[in-house]
Amino acid sequence: MFGYDLENLTGQQRTTVELKAESDFADLPLEEMTVEQQQELATRYNRGPYWENDQAQRYGRDFAHHLDQARNAIR
């Protein structure tokens, strides 16, 4: 599921899979997700069930704002 071996997930991977499964884009691989979808996933990951509150949405906007910097840093 989502490119992970379900038998050997770390806690963090399991959380990511569960959060993505709750979204409308659960069947999309990361490289096909839009920035907005990645932002929503980051927001869900950061705030869990409270992902729709203002603080969580601010985190998601910050994530999207710094996405290019993060991609450049790992190249």
N, C-alpha and C. Protein backbone atom coordinates (compact mmCIF):
# COMPACT_ATOMS: atom_id res chain seq x y z
N MET A 1 0.83 -1.18 0.00
CA MET A 1 0.00 0.00 0.00
C MET A 1 0.88 1.25 0.00
N PHE A 2 0.63 2.18 -0.91
CA PHE A 2 1.35 3.44 -1.01
C PHE A 2 2.86 3.23 -1.14
N GLY A 3 3.28 2.10 -1.70
CA GLY A 3 4.70 1.84 -1.88
C GLY A 3 5.41 1.30 -0.65
N TYR A 4 4.68 0.99 0.39
CA TYR A 4 5.27 0.46 1.62
C TYR A 4 5.01 -1.04 1.73
N ASP A 5 5.94 -1.76 2.31
CA ASP A 5 5.76 -3.16 2.66
C ASP A 5 4.99 -3.17 3.98
N LEU A 6 3.73 -3.53 3.93
CA LEU A 6 2.86 -3.43 5.10
C LEU A 6 3.34 -4.28 6.27
N GLU A 7 4.09 -5.32 5.98
CA GLU A 7 4.59 -6.18 7.06
C GLU A 7 5.74 -5.55 7.83
N ASN A 8 6.39 -4.55 7.25
CA ASN A 8 7.60 -3.98 7.86
C ASN A 8 7.55 -2.47 8.01
N LEU A 9 6.39 -1.92 8.34
CA LEU A 9 6.25 -0.47 8.50
C LEU A 9 6.83 -0.01 9.84
N THR A 10 7.47 1.15 9.80
CA THR A 10 7.84 1.79 11.06
C THR A 10 6.60 2.51 11.57
N GLY A 11 6.64 2.97 12.79
CA GLY A 11 5.51 3.71 13.35
C GLY A 11 5.17 4.94 12.52
N GLN A 12 6.20 5.66 12.08
CA GLN A 12 5.99 6.87 11.28
C GLN A 12 5.37 6.52 9.93
N GLN A 13 5.84 5.45 9.29
CA GLN A 13 5.27 5.03 8.01
C GLN A 13 3.81 4.62 8.19
N ARG A 14 3.51 3.90 9.26
CA ARG A 14 2.13 3.46 9.51
C ARG A 14 1.21 4.68 9.69
N THR A 15 1.67 5.67 10.41
CA THR A 15 0.88 6.89 10.61
C THR A 15 0.64 7.59 9.28
N THR A 16 1.68 7.69 8.45
CA THR A 16 1.56 8.33 7.14
C THR A 16 0.56 7.59 6.27
N VAL A 17 0.63 6.28 6.25
CA VAL A 17 -0.30 5.47 5.46
C VAL A 17 -1.73 5.68 5.94
N GLU A 18 -1.93 5.67 7.24
CA GLU A 18 -3.28 5.85 7.78
C GLU A 18 -3.83 7.23 7.44
N LEU A 19 -3.00 8.26 7.56
CA LEU A 19 -3.47 9.62 7.26
C LEU A 19 -3.78 9.78 5.78
N LYS A 20 -2.93 9.21 4.92
CA LYS A 20 -3.17 9.32 3.49
C LYS A 20 -4.42 8.54 3.11
N ALA A 21 -4.65 7.41 3.74
CA ALA A 21 -5.83 6.60 3.44
C ALA A 21 -7.12 7.36 3.74
N GLU A 22 -7.08 8.31 4.67
CA GLU A 22 -8.25 9.11 5.02
C GLU A 22 -8.52 10.23 4.01
N SER A 23 -7.57 10.47 3.12
CA SER A 23 -7.70 11.58 2.18
C SER A 23 -8.42 11.15 0.90
N ASP A 24 -8.71 12.13 0.06
CA ASP A 24 -9.36 11.87 -1.23
C ASP A 24 -8.36 11.43 -2.29
N PHE A 25 -7.08 11.41 -1.96
CA PHE A 25 -6.04 11.07 -2.94
C PHE A 25 -5.21 9.87 -2.48
N ALA A 26 -5.85 8.97 -1.78
CA ALA A 26 -5.15 7.82 -1.20
C ALA A 26 -4.49 6.94 -2.24
N ASP A 27 -5.02 6.90 -3.44
CA ASP A 27 -4.48 6.01 -4.46
C ASP A 27 -3.38 6.63 -5.31
N LEU A 28 -3.02 7.88 -5.04
CA LEU A 28 -1.98 8.55 -5.81
C LEU A 28 -0.60 8.37 -5.19
N PRO A 29 0.41 8.02 -6.01
CA PRO A 29 1.77 8.01 -5.48
C PRO A 29 2.23 9.46 -5.21
N LEU A 30 3.16 9.62 -4.30
CA LEU A 30 3.62 10.95 -3.92
C LEU A 30 4.02 11.80 -5.12
N GLU A 31 4.74 11.20 -6.06
CA GLU A 31 5.22 11.98 -7.20
C GLU A 31 4.10 12.47 -8.11
N GLU A 32 2.89 11.95 -7.95
CA GLU A 32 1.75 12.42 -8.74
C GLU A 32 0.82 13.33 -7.96
N MET A 33 1.10 13.52 -6.68
CA MET A 33 0.26 14.40 -5.86
C MET A 33 0.56 15.86 -6.18
N THR A 34 -0.46 16.69 -6.16
CA THR A 34 -0.27 18.12 -6.35
C THR A 34 0.33 18.71 -5.07
N VAL A 35 0.82 19.92 -5.17
CA VAL A 35 1.35 20.61 -3.99
C VAL A 35 0.24 20.75 -2.95
N GLU A 36 -0.98 21.02 -3.39
CA GLU A 36 -2.09 21.17 -2.46
C GLU A 36 -2.38 19.86 -1.72
N GLN A 37 -2.28 18.74 -2.43
CA GLN A 37 -2.49 17.45 -1.78
C GLN A 37 -1.36 17.14 -0.80
N GLN A 38 -0.13 17.46 -1.18
CA GLN A 38 1.00 17.27 -0.26
C GLN A 38 0.84 18.15 0.97
N GLN A 39 0.36 19.37 0.75
CA GLN A 39 0.12 20.30 1.86
C GLN A 39 -0.93 19.72 2.81
N GLU A 40 -2.01 19.18 2.26
CA GLU A 40 -3.04 18.58 3.11
C GLU A 40 -2.48 17.41 3.89
N LEU A 41 -1.68 16.56 3.25
CA LEU A 41 -1.10 15.41 3.94
C LEU A 41 -0.17 15.87 5.06
N ALA A 42 0.65 16.88 4.80
CA ALA A 42 1.54 17.41 5.84
C ALA A 42 0.73 17.97 7.01
N THR A 43 -0.36 18.66 6.70
CA THR A 43 -1.22 19.22 7.74
C THR A 43 -1.87 18.12 8.56
N ARG A 44 -2.36 17.09 7.89
CA ARG A 44 -2.97 15.95 8.60
C ARG A 44 -1.92 15.28 9.49
N TYR A 45 -0.71 15.12 8.97
CA TYR A 45 0.35 14.45 9.73
C TYR A 45 0.72 15.27 10.97
N ASN A 46 0.80 16.57 10.81
CA ASN A 46 1.20 17.44 11.91
C ASN A 46 0.14 17.55 13.00
N ARG A 47 -1.11 17.58 12.63
CA ARG A 47 -2.17 17.89 13.61
C ARG A 47 -3.18 16.77 13.81
N GLY A 48 -3.05 15.66 13.14
CA GLY A 48 -3.95 14.54 13.35
C GLY A 48 -5.40 14.91 13.12
N PRO A 49 -6.28 14.55 14.03
CA PRO A 49 -7.71 14.80 13.82
C PRO A 49 -8.08 16.29 13.83
N TYR A 50 -7.15 17.13 14.24
CA TYR A 50 -7.41 18.58 14.30
C TYR A 50 -6.81 19.30 13.10
N TRP A 51 -6.60 18.57 12.00
CA TRP A 51 -5.89 19.13 10.85
C TRP A 51 -6.62 20.29 10.19
N GLU A 52 -7.89 20.47 10.45
CA GLU A 52 -8.62 21.55 9.80
C GLU A 52 -8.62 22.86 10.60
N ASN A 53 -7.98 22.89 11.77
CA ASN A 53 -7.98 24.14 12.54
C ASN A 53 -6.95 25.13 11.96
N ASP A 54 -7.01 26.37 12.40
CA ASP A 54 -6.16 27.43 11.84
C ASP A 54 -4.68 27.15 11.99
N GLN A 55 -4.27 26.66 13.15
CA GLN A 55 -2.85 26.40 13.40
C GLN A 55 -2.34 25.31 12.45
N ALA A 56 -3.12 24.28 12.26
CA ALA A 56 -2.73 23.20 11.36
C ALA A 56 -2.66 23.69 9.92
N GLN A 57 -3.62 24.50 9.52
CA GLN A 57 -3.62 25.03 8.16
C GLN A 57 -2.42 25.94 7.92
N ARG A 58 -2.03 26.68 8.94
CA ARG A 58 -0.84 27.53 8.85
C ARG A 58 0.40 26.66 8.63
N TYR A 59 0.48 25.54 9.35
CA TYR A 59 1.58 24.60 9.16
C TYR A 59 1.61 24.10 7.71
N GLY A 60 0.45 23.76 7.18
CA GLY A 60 0.37 23.29 5.81
C GLY A 60 0.81 24.34 4.81
N ARG A 61 0.43 25.58 5.03
CA ARG A 61 0.87 26.66 4.13
C ARG A 61 2.38 26.85 4.22
N ASP A 62 2.94 26.76 5.43
CA ASP A 62 4.39 26.87 5.60
C ASP A 62 5.10 25.72 4.90
N PHE A 63 4.54 24.52 5.00
CA PHE A 63 5.10 23.36 4.30
C PHE A 63 5.18 23.64 2.81
N ALA A 64 4.08 24.07 2.22
CA ALA A 64 4.03 24.32 0.78
C ALA A 64 5.00 25.43 0.40
N HIS A 65 5.10 26.44 1.25
CA HIS A 65 5.99 27.57 0.98
C HIS A 65 7.46 27.14 0.93
N HIS A 66 7.83 26.18 1.75
CA HIS A 66 9.22 25.75 1.85
C HIS A 66 9.51 24.46 1.08
N LEU A 67 8.56 23.98 0.31
CA LEU A 67 8.73 22.72 -0.40
C LEU A 67 9.89 22.75 -1.38
N ASP A 68 10.02 23.81 -2.16
CA ASP A 68 11.13 23.89 -3.12
C ASP A 68 12.48 23.91 -2.41
N GLN A 69 12.56 24.62 -1.28
CA GLN A 69 13.81 24.64 -0.52
C GLN A 69 14.16 23.25 -0.01
N ALA A 70 13.17 22.51 0.44
CA ALA A 70 13.42 21.15 0.94
C ALA A 70 13.86 20.23 -0.20
N ARG A 71 13.22 20.35 -1.35
CA ARG A 71 13.63 19.53 -2.50
C ARG A 71 15.05 19.84 -2.92
N ASN A 72 15.40 21.12 -2.94
CA ASN A 72 16.77 21.50 -3.32
C ASN A 72 17.80 21.00 -2.31
N ALA A 73 17.42 20.97 -1.04
CA ALA A 73 18.35 20.54 0.00
C ALA A 73 18.69 19.06 -0.10
N ILE A 74 17.77 18.25 -0.61
CA ILE A 74 18.04 16.82 -0.68
C ILE A 74 18.61 16.37 -2.02
N ARG A 75 18.82 17.28 -2.92
CA ARG A 75 19.42 16.93 -4.23
C ARG A 75 20.90 16.80 -4.11
